[in-house]
Protein backbone atom coordinates (compact mmCIF):
# COMPACT_ATOMS: atom_id res chain seq x y z
CA MET A 1 -6.32 4.38 2.34
CA LEU A 2 -2.89 2.12 3.13
CA THR A 3 -0.18 1.98 1.29
CA ALA A 4 1.42 -1.40 0.64
CA ALA A 5 4.30 -1.20 2.85
CA GLN A 6 1.58 -0.25 5.82
CA GLY A 7 -0.48 -2.72 4.55
CA LYS A 8 2.60 -5.33 4.92
CA ALA A 9 3.07 -3.95 8.24
CA VAL A 10 -0.57 -4.16 9.50
CA LEU A 11 -0.59 -8.03 8.43
CA ALA A 12 2.94 -8.55 10.08
CA GLY A 13 1.49 -7.04 13.24
CA LYS A 14 3.81 -4.04 13.36
CA GLN A 15 3.84 -0.32 12.30
CA GLY A 16 5.98 0.43 9.14
CA SER A 17 8.92 2.69 9.42
CA GLN A 18 8.23 6.30 7.63
CA ASP A 19 11.07 5.80 5.61
CA ASP A 20 9.59 2.65 4.43
CA VAL A 21 6.46 4.54 2.85
CA GLY A 22 8.54 7.15 1.72
CA VAL A 23 10.71 4.36 -0.27
CA LEU A 24 7.94 2.52 -1.44
CA SER A 25 6.16 5.87 -2.59
CA LEU A 26 9.07 6.80 -4.59
CA ALA A 27 9.48 3.27 -6.50
CA GLU A 28 5.81 3.64 -7.17
CA THR A 29 6.12 6.72 -8.82
CA VAL A 30 9.59 5.92 -10.68
CA GLY A 31 8.12 2.58 -11.87
CA ASN A 32 5.04 3.66 -12.78
CA MET A 33 2.97 1.09 -10.77
CA GLY A 34 0.04 1.01 -8.29
CA TYR A 35 -1.35 -0.99 -5.71
CA TRP A 36 -4.94 -2.35 -5.09
CA TYR A 37 -6.70 -3.86 -1.73
CA TRP A 38 -9.56 -6.24 -1.61
CA TYR A 39 -11.36 -5.68 1.85
CA ILE A 40 -13.00 -9.01 2.01
CA GLN A 41 -15.03 -8.25 5.39
CA SER A 42 -16.94 -5.12 3.21
CA GLU A 43 -16.74 -6.61 -0.17
CA SER A 44 -15.00 -3.55 -1.58
CA LEU A 45 -11.99 -2.81 -3.31
CA SER A 46 -9.71 0.25 -3.35
CA TRP A 47 -7.11 0.95 -5.81
CA SER A 48 -4.15 3.74 -6.76
CA GLU A 49 -4.36 6.17 -9.61
CA GLN A 50 -1.83 4.08 -11.67
CA VAL A 51 -4.06 0.80 -11.76
């Protein structure tokens, strides 16, 4: 499963740096926020534990 930073990098057509992923992970933990993804082609959803 991708993190939000990785998902944004994929959409932008570039790889996110490891630092970006670490900062996002820290922010999600501190802010008690999660994420979700809708995979349109496979009609499936995935989400983090915080959602």
